[in-house]
Amino acid sequence: VRYQTPLALFADLRAMGATNVLIERRKMPLRRKTLLRALEIYAENYSDSDGRIRATFECLWVSGWTPHESQQKPLEPGSAKTRLADALNTKEGILE
């Protein structure tokens, strides 16, 4: 993703909740002079030749599952009414 300015990047970071997430962070506001210098350094180090800021994001999705008593229970082995081989239209192999 490319941004016109570091502030535009920070706006997106804030919108996705990715700013100031440290538990042990300073509770005092950042001084304006410090922020402006940080933006300047960031622009010097991460700007493309046209002056736009390049940023890379990783998106992570997590899905969880846990059993519940209302969930369908598995059938006893050998109690199937339909053969899997028939459903797959294949021959059933016999293991020896």
Protein backbone atom coordinates (compact mmCIF):
# COMPACT_ATOMS: atom_id res chain seq x y z
CA VAL A 1 0.00 0.00 0.00
CA ARG A 2 1.30 3.50 -0.77
CA TYR A 3 0.43 6.74 1.04
CA GLN A 4 0.90 10.42 0.23
CA THR A 5 2.30 11.12 3.72
CA PRO A 6 3.22 9.26 6.90
CA LEU A 7 0.19 10.91 8.54
CA ALA A 8 -2.10 9.23 5.99
CA LEU A 9 -0.51 5.89 6.90
CA PHE A 10 -1.00 6.62 10.62
CA ALA A 11 -4.67 7.46 9.97
CA ASP A 12 -5.20 4.00 8.45
CA LEU A 13 -3.27 2.35 11.29
CA ARG A 14 -5.47 4.12 13.83
CA ALA A 15 -8.64 3.16 11.92
CA MET A 16 -7.68 -0.52 12.09
CA GLY A 17 -6.76 -0.29 15.78
CA ALA A 18 -3.04 -0.83 15.22
CA THR A 19 -1.65 2.19 17.10
CA ASN A 20 -0.52 2.45 20.70
CA VAL A 21 -1.32 -1.18 21.50
CA LEU A 22 1.50 -1.75 23.98
CA ILE A 23 0.37 -2.62 27.49
CA GLU A 24 3.38 -0.91 29.09
CA ARG A 25 3.16 2.23 26.94
CA ARG A 26 3.72 5.77 28.16
CA LYS A 27 0.46 7.37 29.21
CA MET A 28 1.68 10.90 28.40
CA PRO A 29 0.86 12.33 24.96
CA LEU A 30 3.65 12.43 22.40
CA ARG A 31 5.20 15.87 21.99
CA ARG A 32 4.51 17.55 18.64
CA LYS A 33 8.24 18.03 17.98
CA THR A 34 8.90 14.31 18.58
CA LEU A 35 6.05 13.27 16.28
CA LEU A 36 7.15 15.60 13.49
CA ARG A 37 10.73 14.28 13.71
CA ALA A 38 9.48 10.67 13.66
CA LEU A 39 7.40 11.43 10.55
CA GLU A 40 10.43 13.01 8.90
CA ILE A 41 12.65 10.00 9.65
CA TYR A 42 9.96 7.59 8.45
CA ALA A 43 9.57 9.51 5.19
CA GLU A 44 13.36 9.53 4.66
CA ASN A 45 13.62 5.77 5.16
CA TYR A 46 10.41 4.46 3.56
CA SER A 47 9.58 6.82 0.67
CA ASP A 48 9.59 5.76 -2.96
CA SER A 49 11.27 7.95 -5.58
CA ASP A 50 8.01 9.90 -6.01
CA GLY A 51 7.87 10.68 -2.28
CA ARG A 52 4.98 8.34 -1.47
CA ILE A 53 5.25 6.15 1.63
CA ARG A 54 5.23 2.40 1.09
CA ALA A 55 3.72 0.17 3.79
CA THR A 56 3.10 -3.56 4.02
CA PHE A 57 0.39 -5.15 6.16
CA GLU A 58 -0.14 -8.75 7.19
CA CYS A 59 -3.72 -9.88 7.62
CA LEU A 60 -4.34 -12.77 9.96
CA TRP A 61 -7.63 -14.58 10.41
CA VAL A 62 -8.16 -17.05 13.21
CA SER A 63 -11.07 -19.41 13.59
CA GLY A 64 -11.74 -21.59 16.59
CA TRP A 65 -13.99 -24.53 17.34
CA THR A 66 -14.94 -26.39 20.47
CA PRO A 67 -17.28 -29.36 20.96
CA HIS A 68 -20.81 -28.73 22.28
CA GLU A 69 -23.33 -31.16 23.75
CA SER A 70 -25.88 -30.25 21.05
CA GLN A 71 -23.48 -31.30 18.32
CA GLN A 72 -24.22 -34.44 16.30
CA LYS A 73 -22.48 -37.53 17.72
CA PRO A 74 -20.45 -39.87 15.49
CA LEU A 75 -22.01 -43.20 14.51
CA GLU A 76 -20.65 -46.50 15.77
CA PRO A 77 -18.04 -48.05 13.44
CA GLY A 78 -19.74 -50.32 10.89
CA SER A 79 -23.20 -48.75 11.32
CA ALA A 80 -23.17 -46.78 8.04
CA LYS A 81 -26.17 -47.26 5.75
CA THR A 82 -24.30 -46.10 2.62
CA ARG A 83 -20.83 -47.16 1.51
CA LEU A 84 -18.28 -44.39 0.97
CA ALA A 85 -16.99 -46.26 -2.09
CA ASP A 86 -20.48 -45.99 -3.65
CA ALA A 87 -20.64 -42.25 -2.94
CA LEU A 88 -17.20 -41.78 -4.52
CA ASN A 89 -18.08 -44.12 -7.41
CA THR A 90 -14.96 -46.20 -6.85
CA LYS A 91 -14.00 -49.73 -5.86
CA GLU A 92 -13.52 -50.42 -2.18
CA GLY A 93 -10.04 -51.59 -1.29
CA ILE A 94 -9.52 -54.28 1.33
CA LEU A 95 -6.59 -53.81 3.70
CA GLU A 96 -4.80 -56.97 4.72
